[in-house]
Amino acid sequence: MLVPQSYSNQKIQIQTVAIVGASGYIGRHIVDELLRIGGYRIRVLVRSTSQSLTWLDDKADVDVFEGDLSSSETLYKFLEYGCIVINLVYLWEGGEARNLEIISNLLEACKVAKIKRLVHCSTAAVVGRATENLITENTTCRPITEYGVTKLKLENLIIETSQSHFDAVILRPTSVFGPEGAPLNKLARDIVAGNRLMNYLKLCLFGQRRMNLVSVANVVGSIIFFVKHEQDFDGEIFIVSDDDSSINNFSDVENYLTIVLGIEKFKIPRLPLPLGLLAFLLGRMGRNNINPRCNYSSKKLKNAGFEFPVMFETALAEYANWYRTSNSNEATTKIL
């Protein structure tokens, strides 16, 4: 393959961070945080078909490249010699073959550009149906969904391809939440305007099921931690979770949102159903993770020196206040 002339005899003066998939929820937060920190040249690659690029209008310091990961020409223009690449891309409509193809193209371009490091954002969903209650990076992965299976194959491809070419690190965040983020929106909507009987039955069924939520601020912080870090990681994997918090479970999260959103509590006490029943039902529904007691450990990430910038309780309060302000017209008080 012909190496672009622009990669020849280059010296790194200001570190360039090239973000693939920056128009997504995590990507936008990363761009904002890098701009806040300063000291980096920021490049983002976005598809021309992206629904909205207006969030970039006030970010003059960000170099925006519109293009396709299938195009080697696009990638050669986008990547710089010695840059750090953050990959957030997953094509939900693409399936396994398409996602493996575009990441293969990206990895080849990373080799040609002689990048410094690839920080790949994967997902804790690659673990799948592990039987352990405490999940670590050494837990055997047993994903059953196409998403989990494909994400695991992408991890393996990155680890294999990066060897002897560039440094790589893989992050596995759990369910990422925050203002404007999706994971808690349905629960909040159900609390505010859903059927009260159904809400009560869900509370009885889900009860102490672990939510495995993680603040977007902590995910972004961990990604930037690896952007800054000088040590090579050689394809190491790190879980990012807020499961250390005792209230990261359905009952406590539901209760907190109910209070902040100003909804009347249930007049009758919750009747807790066995977690074994919930595990059975989740299995019948084809869910990837069917263990309601499952916790994901961030011990390895903390041992590497990362300090979580936000406590789970603080992040939950921020989300609840955002939802209350943004959806004030939905407020209602139904009493069971």
Foldseek 3Di string as FASTA:
>chain_A
DDQDPQLPPDDDDFAEEEEEPLVDDLNVVLVVVCVVVDRYQYEYEAAPPPPDPVSCVPVPSYHYQHDDLLDLVSLSVRDAAAHEYEYDDDDPVQFQVRRVNSLVSNLVSCLSSLYAEYEYEFAPLLQFAFPDQEDELPGHRDFDDRRSVSSVVSLVVCLVSCPPRYFYEYEHEYAEDFAVDDPCVVLLLCLFANDPVVNLVCCQEFPFQAQFYAYSQQVSQLSVVVSPDPDGDSSYYFYGTLLVDSQRGDNNLSVVLNVLLVEDDEPDDRNHDDLVVQLVVCVVVVHRYSRSSHDYDRVVVVVVPRDRPDHPVRRSVNRSVSCCVVPVVSGDYDYD
